[in-house]
N, C-alpha and C. Protein backbone atom coordinates (compact mmCIF):
# COMPACT_ATOMS: atom_id res chain seq x y z
N MET A 1 -5.65 -19.74 -9.86
CA MET A 1 -4.12 -19.54 -10.50
C MET A 1 -3.15 -20.37 -9.98
N ASN A 2 -2.27 -20.57 -10.56
CA ASN A 2 -1.05 -21.36 -9.97
C ASN A 2 -0.36 -19.91 -9.64
N ILE A 3 0.36 -20.21 -8.24
CA ILE A 3 0.75 -19.46 -7.38
C ILE A 3 2.78 -19.23 -8.09
N ASN A 4 2.85 -20.40 -8.57
CA ASN A 4 4.20 -20.00 -9.50
C ASN A 4 4.37 -19.32 -10.37
N CYS A 5 2.85 -19.57 -11.26
CA CYS A 5 2.62 -18.40 -12.43
C CYS A 5 2.39 -17.06 -11.82
N CYS A 6 1.66 -16.81 -11.00
CA CYS A 6 1.70 -15.72 -10.34
C CYS A 6 3.66 -14.47 -10.04
N PHE A 7 3.79 -15.76 -9.89
CA PHE A 7 5.43 -15.49 -8.71
C PHE A 7 5.89 -15.12 -9.94
N ASN A 8 5.83 -15.71 -11.19
CA ASN A 8 7.13 -15.54 -12.77
C ASN A 8 6.39 -14.36 -12.91
N GLU A 9 4.92 -13.93 -13.09
CA GLU A 9 4.98 -12.49 -13.98
C GLU A 9 5.05 -11.66 -13.16
N LEU A 10 5.23 -11.61 -11.50
CA LEU A 10 5.71 -10.43 -11.33
C LEU A 10 7.24 -10.48 -11.30
N HIS A 11 7.63 -11.27 -11.54
CA HIS A 11 9.42 -11.45 -11.44
C HIS A 11 9.81 -10.89 -12.83
N LYS A 12 8.87 -11.21 -13.91
CA LYS A 12 9.17 -10.52 -15.04
C LYS A 12 8.74 -9.41 -15.02
N PHE A 13 7.96 -8.24 -14.51
CA PHE A 13 7.54 -7.09 -14.70
C PHE A 13 8.60 -6.58 -13.69
N PHE A 14 9.12 -6.92 -12.68
CA PHE A 14 10.21 -6.20 -11.52
C PHE A 14 11.24 -6.62 -11.65
N GLY A 15 12.10 -7.80 -11.94
CA GLY A 15 13.09 -8.30 -12.30
C GLY A 15 13.03 -9.22 -10.83
N ASN A 16 14.65 -9.44 -10.80
CA ASN A 16 14.84 -10.00 -9.41
C ASN A 16 14.84 -9.58 -8.17
N ARG A 17 13.61 -9.60 -6.88
CA ARG A 17 13.76 -8.78 -6.07
C ARG A 17 13.48 -9.78 -4.86
N ASN A 18 13.89 -9.46 -3.72
CA ASN A 18 13.74 -9.43 -2.25
C ASN A 18 12.18 -9.37 -2.07
N LEU A 19 11.57 -10.60 -1.37
CA LEU A 19 9.90 -10.00 -1.51
C LEU A 19 9.42 -8.64 -0.52
N ASP A 20 10.61 -8.43 1.00
CA ASP A 20 10.68 -6.91 1.77
C ASP A 20 10.57 -6.01 0.49
N SER A 21 11.05 -5.90 -0.78
CA SER A 21 11.06 -4.42 -1.51
C SER A 21 9.90 -4.18 -1.84
N TYR A 22 8.52 -4.96 -2.12
CA TYR A 22 7.98 -4.38 -2.62
C TYR A 22 6.88 -3.54 -1.59
N ASN A 23 6.46 -2.67 -2.12
CA ASN A 23 5.45 -1.24 -1.84
C ASN A 23 4.15 -1.50 -2.15
N VAL A 24 3.08 -0.71 -1.91
CA VAL A 24 1.99 -0.32 -2.33
C VAL A 24 1.74 0.25 -3.94
N ARG A 25 2.88 1.12 -4.15
CA ARG A 25 2.95 1.81 -5.14
C ARG A 25 3.57 0.43 -6.10
N ASP A 26 4.31 -0.12 -5.92
CA ASP A 26 4.97 -1.13 -7.05
C ASP A 26 3.43 -2.30 -7.41
N ILE A 27 2.97 -2.85 -6.51
CA ILE A 27 1.79 -3.45 -6.67
C ILE A 27 0.51 -3.02 -7.41
N ASN A 28 0.35 -1.74 -6.87
CA ASN A 28 -0.65 -0.66 -7.64
C ASN A 28 0.07 -1.17 -9.44
N ARG A 29 1.60 -0.57 -9.77
CA ARG A 29 1.75 -0.70 -11.32
C ARG A 29 1.66 -1.90 -11.47
N PHE A 30 1.71 -3.29 -11.33
CA PHE A 30 1.88 -4.32 -11.38
C PHE A 30 0.51 -4.93 -11.78
N ILE A 31 -0.62 -4.23 -11.01
CA ILE A 31 -2.00 -4.07 -11.86
C ILE A 31 -2.34 -3.93 -12.29
N VAL A 32 -1.88 -2.07 -12.73
CA VAL A 32 -2.66 -1.32 -13.82
C VAL A 32 -1.57 -2.26 -15.17
N HIS A 33 -0.70 -2.58 -14.93
CA HIS A 33 -0.11 -3.24 -16.14
C HIS A 33 -0.57 -4.48 -16.24
N LYS A 34 -0.92 -5.36 -15.38
CA LYS A 34 -1.63 -7.01 -15.61
C LYS A 34 -2.80 -6.37 -16.37
N ILE A 35 -3.56 -5.25 -16.05
CA ILE A 35 -5.29 -5.08 -16.52
C ILE A 35 -4.78 -4.33 -18.17
N GLU A 36 -4.04 -3.79 -18.30
CA GLU A 36 -3.62 -3.27 -19.34
C GLU A 36 -3.37 -4.26 -20.53
N LYS A 37 -2.64 -5.61 -20.24
CA LYS A 37 -2.02 -6.24 -21.01
C LYS A 37 -2.70 -7.24 -21.21
N THR A 38 -3.53 -7.87 -20.00
CA THR A 38 -4.77 -9.08 -20.00
C THR A 38 -6.17 -8.41 -19.68
N SER A 39 -6.42 -8.32 -18.89
CA SER A 39 -7.69 -8.14 -18.29
C SER A 39 -7.73 -7.33 -16.73
N SER A 40 -9.21 -7.13 -16.18
CA SER A 40 -9.66 -7.06 -14.81
C SER A 40 -9.47 -8.12 -13.93
N SER A 41 -9.86 -9.31 -14.71
CA SER A 41 -10.15 -10.35 -14.23
C SER A 41 -8.77 -11.17 -13.96
N THR A 42 -8.09 -11.29 -14.89
CA THR A 42 -6.40 -11.66 -14.69
C THR A 42 -6.25 -10.53 -13.76
N ALA A 43 -6.48 -9.76 -14.01
CA ALA A 43 -5.24 -8.96 -12.51
C ALA A 43 -6.00 -9.40 -11.28
N ARG A 44 -7.25 -9.48 -10.97
CA ARG A 44 -7.92 -9.79 -9.78
C ARG A 44 -7.37 -11.34 -9.51
N ARG A 45 -7.15 -12.12 -10.19
CA ARG A 45 -6.64 -13.48 -9.88
C ARG A 45 -5.84 -13.52 -9.36
N HIS A 46 -4.59 -12.38 -9.60
CA HIS A 46 -3.12 -12.10 -9.36
C HIS A 46 -3.06 -11.85 -7.75
N ILE A 47 -3.90 -10.69 -7.80
CA ILE A 47 -4.30 -10.26 -6.55
C ILE A 47 -4.85 -11.21 -5.70
N ALA A 48 -5.75 -12.04 -6.14
CA ALA A 48 -6.25 -13.07 -5.29
C ALA A 48 -5.32 -14.45 -4.63
N THR A 49 -4.37 -14.66 -5.60
CA THR A 49 -3.49 -15.31 -5.40
C THR A 49 -2.32 -14.69 -4.47
N LEU A 50 -1.38 -13.57 -4.61
CA LEU A 50 -0.49 -13.14 -4.47
C LEU A 50 -0.60 -12.69 -2.93
N ARG A 51 -1.84 -12.09 -2.71
CA ARG A 51 -2.23 -11.64 -1.72
C ARG A 51 -2.08 -12.61 -0.21
N PRO A 52 -2.76 -13.82 -0.54
CA PRO A 52 -2.41 -14.40 0.88
C PRO A 52 -0.77 -15.26 0.85
N ALA A 53 -0.36 -15.29 -0.43
CA ALA A 53 1.22 -15.51 -0.22
C ALA A 53 1.93 -14.62 0.23
N PHE A 54 1.53 -13.12 0.04
CA PHE A 54 2.41 -12.16 1.33
C PHE A 54 1.83 -12.29 2.45
N LYS A 55 0.34 -12.39 2.86
CA LYS A 55 -0.12 -13.05 3.99
C LYS A 55 0.98 -13.99 4.88
N TYR A 56 1.41 -15.30 4.39
CA TYR A 56 2.10 -16.01 4.57
C TYR A 56 3.56 -15.72 4.69
N ALA A 57 3.95 -14.50 4.39
CA ALA A 57 5.45 -14.30 4.74
C ALA A 57 5.42 -12.92 5.61
N LEU A 58 4.26 -12.26 5.16
CA LEU A 58 4.30 -11.74 6.89
C LEU A 58 4.30 -12.22 8.35
N LYS A 59 3.66 -13.42 8.06
CA LYS A 59 3.19 -14.36 9.64
C LYS A 59 4.29 -15.05 9.64
N GLN A 60 5.10 -15.24 8.77
CA GLN A 60 6.64 -16.14 8.74
C GLN A 60 7.50 -14.70 9.25
N ARG A 61 7.09 -13.87 9.02
CA ARG A 61 8.63 -12.70 9.20
C ARG A 61 9.40 -12.52 8.17
N TYR A 62 8.90 -12.63 6.95
CA TYR A 62 9.86 -12.65 6.02
C TYR A 62 9.83 -10.98 5.64
N ILE A 63 8.54 -10.56 6.18
CA ILE A 63 8.25 -8.71 5.45
C ILE A 63 7.97 -8.52 6.63
N LEU A 64 7.52 -7.18 6.25
CA LEU A 64 7.47 -5.93 7.48
C LEU A 64 5.97 -6.37 7.33
N ARG A 65 5.87 -5.61 6.18
CA ARG A 65 4.10 -5.38 5.70
C ARG A 65 3.98 -6.09 4.19
N ASN A 66 2.29 -6.20 4.10
CA ASN A 66 2.12 -6.94 2.98
C ASN A 66 1.72 -5.80 2.09
N PRO A 67 1.98 -5.50 1.35
CA PRO A 67 2.23 -4.33 0.19
C PRO A 67 0.58 -4.46 -0.74
N PHE A 68 -0.27 -5.83 -0.62
CA PHE A 68 -1.67 -6.42 -1.52
C PHE A 68 -2.38 -6.02 -0.62
N GLU A 69 -2.43 -5.53 1.03
CA GLU A 69 -3.21 -5.08 1.74
C GLU A 69 -4.01 -3.93 1.55
N ASP A 70 -3.10 -2.89 1.05
CA ASP A 70 -3.63 -1.51 0.43
C ASP A 70 -3.78 -1.54 -0.80
N CYS A 71 -3.61 -2.20 -1.98
CA CYS A 71 -3.57 -2.42 -3.19
C CYS A 71 -4.74 -1.83 -3.57
N LEU A 72 -4.77 -1.81 -4.94
CA LEU A 72 -5.89 -1.05 -5.82
C LEU A 72 -6.98 -2.29 -5.67
N GLN A 73 -7.97 -2.14 -5.61
CA GLN A 73 -8.93 -2.56 -5.66
C GLN A 73 -10.23 -2.50 -6.88
N ILE A 74 -9.80 -4.15 -7.51
CA ILE A 74 -10.66 -4.01 -9.16
C ILE A 74 -12.21 -4.47 -8.95
N ASP A 75 -12.88 -3.57 -9.85
CA ASP A 75 -13.62 -3.80 -10.22
C ASP A 75 -14.35 -4.49 -11.90
N VAL A 76 -14.49 -5.97 -11.26
CA VAL A 76 -14.93 -6.38 -13.41
C VAL A 76 -16.35 -6.04 -13.55
N PRO A 77 -16.37 -5.39 -14.63
CA PRO A 77 -17.57 -5.40 -14.80
C PRO A 77 -18.40 -6.56 -15.27
N LYS A 78 -20.42 -6.17 -14.98
CA LYS A 78 -20.55 -7.66 -14.97
C LYS A 78 -21.04 -7.49 -16.48
N THR A 79 -20.65 -8.62 -17.17
CA THR A 79 -20.83 -8.97 -18.63
C THR A 79 -22.40 -9.55 -18.67
N THR A 80 -23.03 -9.67 -19.61
CA THR A 80 -23.86 -10.47 -20.25
C THR A 80 -23.65 -12.16 -21.23
N ILE A 81 -23.97 -12.97 -20.38
CA ILE A 81 -24.08 -14.25 -21.25
C ILE A 81 -24.75 -14.88 -22.34
N HIS A 82 -24.58 -14.68 -23.47
CA HIS A 82 -25.56 -14.97 -24.52
C HIS A 82 -25.07 -16.31 -25.17
N TYR A 83 -26.17 -17.19 -25.21
CA TYR A 83 -26.57 -18.62 -25.80
C TYR A 83 -27.08 -18.44 -26.97
N LEU A 84 -27.05 -19.64 -28.00
CA LEU A 84 -27.79 -19.74 -28.80
C LEU A 84 -29.03 -20.81 -28.48
N SER A 85 -30.38 -20.26 -29.13
CA SER A 85 -31.59 -20.68 -28.72
C SER A 85 -31.01 -22.34 -29.37
N ILE A 86 -32.35 -23.26 -29.23
CA ILE A 86 -32.15 -24.30 -30.26
C ILE A 86 -32.38 -24.02 -31.44
N GLU A 87 -32.99 -23.61 -31.77
CA GLU A 87 -33.48 -23.16 -33.15
C GLU A 87 -31.72 -22.25 -33.69
N ASP A 88 -31.40 -21.70 -33.13
CA ASP A 88 -30.30 -21.09 -33.95
C ASP A 88 -29.35 -22.10 -33.97
N PHE A 89 -29.42 -22.52 -32.88
CA PHE A 89 -27.83 -23.72 -32.93
C PHE A 89 -28.31 -24.34 -34.07
N ALA A 90 -29.82 -24.72 -34.69
CA ALA A 90 -29.96 -25.78 -35.77
C ALA A 90 -29.65 -25.17 -36.72
N LYS A 91 -29.60 -23.66 -36.99
CA LYS A 91 -29.62 -23.17 -38.28
C LYS A 91 -27.81 -22.98 -38.38
N LEU A 92 -26.98 -22.98 -37.51
CA LEU A 92 -26.24 -22.75 -37.45
C LEU A 92 -25.19 -24.09 -37.99
N LEU A 93 -25.58 -25.24 -37.57
CA LEU A 93 -24.93 -26.30 -37.94
C LEU A 93 -25.53 -27.05 -39.18
N VAL A 94 -26.59 -25.90 -40.31
CA VAL A 94 -27.00 -26.40 -41.43
C VAL A 94 -26.00 -25.66 -42.28
N VAL A 95 -25.94 -24.68 -42.14
CA VAL A 95 -24.41 -24.05 -42.56
C VAL A 95 -23.31 -24.33 -42.44
N ILE A 96 -22.48 -25.28 -41.58
CA ILE A 96 -21.29 -25.53 -41.47
C ILE A 96 -21.04 -26.48 -42.19
N ASP A 97 -20.11 -26.14 -43.24
CA ASP A 97 -20.39 -27.50 -44.29
C ASP A 97 -18.85 -28.40 -44.45
N ASN A 98 -18.26 -28.18 -43.04
CA ASN A 98 -17.00 -29.09 -42.61
C ASN A 98 -17.07 -29.93 -41.62
N ASP A 99 -17.60 -31.27 -41.78
CA ASP A 99 -17.68 -32.47 -40.87
C ASP A 99 -17.01 -32.62 -39.36
N LEU A 100 -15.40 -31.85 -39.86
CA LEU A 100 -15.13 -32.05 -38.44
C LEU A 100 -15.10 -30.49 -37.73
N TRP A 101 -15.63 -29.36 -38.34
CA TRP A 101 -15.78 -28.12 -37.93
C TRP A 101 -17.44 -28.22 -36.98
N LYS A 102 -18.01 -29.03 -37.76
CA LYS A 102 -19.61 -29.44 -36.69
C LYS A 102 -19.65 -30.67 -36.18
N ASP A 103 -18.54 -31.49 -35.94
CA ASP A 103 -18.43 -32.20 -34.67
C ASP A 103 -18.15 -31.31 -33.33
N PHE A 104 -16.96 -30.28 -33.93
CA PHE A 104 -16.57 -29.44 -32.82
C PHE A 104 -17.66 -28.70 -32.18
N ALA A 105 -18.86 -28.39 -33.19
CA ALA A 105 -19.70 -27.49 -32.63
C ALA A 105 -20.40 -28.54 -31.55
N LEU A 106 -20.77 -29.23 -32.42
CA LEU A 106 -21.66 -30.51 -31.24
C LEU A 106 -21.26 -31.07 -30.00
N PHE A 107 -19.91 -30.95 -30.50
CA PHE A 107 -19.39 -31.69 -29.00
C PHE A 107 -18.83 -30.80 -27.93
N ALA A 108 -19.41 -29.29 -28.32
CA ALA A 108 -18.84 -27.96 -27.41
C ALA A 108 -20.02 -28.05 -26.73
N VAL A 109 -21.40 -27.79 -27.58
CA VAL A 109 -22.57 -27.46 -27.01
C VAL A 109 -22.91 -28.47 -25.95
N ARG A 110 -23.04 -30.42 -26.61
CA ARG A 110 -23.21 -31.61 -25.79
C ARG A 110 -22.50 -31.74 -24.22
N THR A 111 -21.21 -30.95 -24.26
CA THR A 111 -20.34 -31.18 -23.43
C THR A 111 -20.48 -29.46 -22.37
N GLY A 112 -20.69 -28.80 -22.95
CA GLY A 112 -20.27 -27.31 -22.31
C GLY A 112 -18.90 -26.60 -22.54
N MET A 113 -17.79 -27.40 -23.25
CA MET A 113 -16.85 -27.24 -23.01
C MET A 113 -16.40 -25.82 -23.94
N ARG A 114 -15.34 -25.39 -23.66
CA ARG A 114 -15.01 -24.14 -24.40
C ARG A 114 -14.09 -24.47 -25.56
N LEU A 115 -14.30 -24.00 -26.29
CA LEU A 115 -12.92 -24.42 -27.41
C LEU A 115 -11.53 -24.31 -27.20
N SER A 116 -10.61 -23.68 -26.09
CA SER A 116 -9.72 -23.68 -25.85
C SER A 116 -9.93 -25.00 -25.05
N GLU A 117 -10.67 -25.28 -24.24
CA GLU A 117 -10.38 -26.94 -23.37
C GLU A 117 -10.67 -27.97 -24.66
N ILE A 118 -11.78 -27.60 -25.54
CA ILE A 118 -11.75 -28.78 -26.80
C ILE A 118 -9.94 -28.95 -27.23
N LEU A 119 -9.63 -27.55 -27.84
CA LEU A 119 -8.22 -27.85 -28.52
C LEU A 119 -7.43 -28.69 -27.56
N TYR A 120 -7.61 -28.51 -26.19
CA TYR A 120 -6.02 -29.27 -25.63
C TYR A 120 -6.52 -30.77 -25.16
N LEU A 121 -7.53 -31.16 -25.42
CA LEU A 121 -7.81 -32.91 -25.34
C LEU A 121 -7.25 -33.32 -25.91
N LYS A 122 -6.56 -34.52 -25.22
CA LYS A 122 -5.13 -35.33 -25.51
C LYS A 122 -6.33 -36.85 -25.90
N ILE A 123 -5.80 -37.68 -26.38
CA ILE A 123 -6.52 -38.68 -26.99
C ILE A 123 -5.64 -39.65 -26.30
């Protein structure tokens, strides 16, 4: 995750604040907000990006304490990934009557790309 994006999210949530004004309670509120508005995985990525940034600020003596060191630890539940069998995919292709969508399905399966990745492709 991009560090600028993470700091923008922190800024959006708290407003314009100095790094040394954050405490563990603030960070925990931010984490809970991220979990509620997005997901635990996104919250974990924000922590994984911001913790070392604050660690660097501590090392450079911009702050006296890294509030991410004692923040909430998030357990992301294990999810089971479901795949289509070759037979199921063949059945799917038969019922798709739009050639463009059939091409999308074939392209996705053959490349392993997600729909969002395919939609952002540029020629």
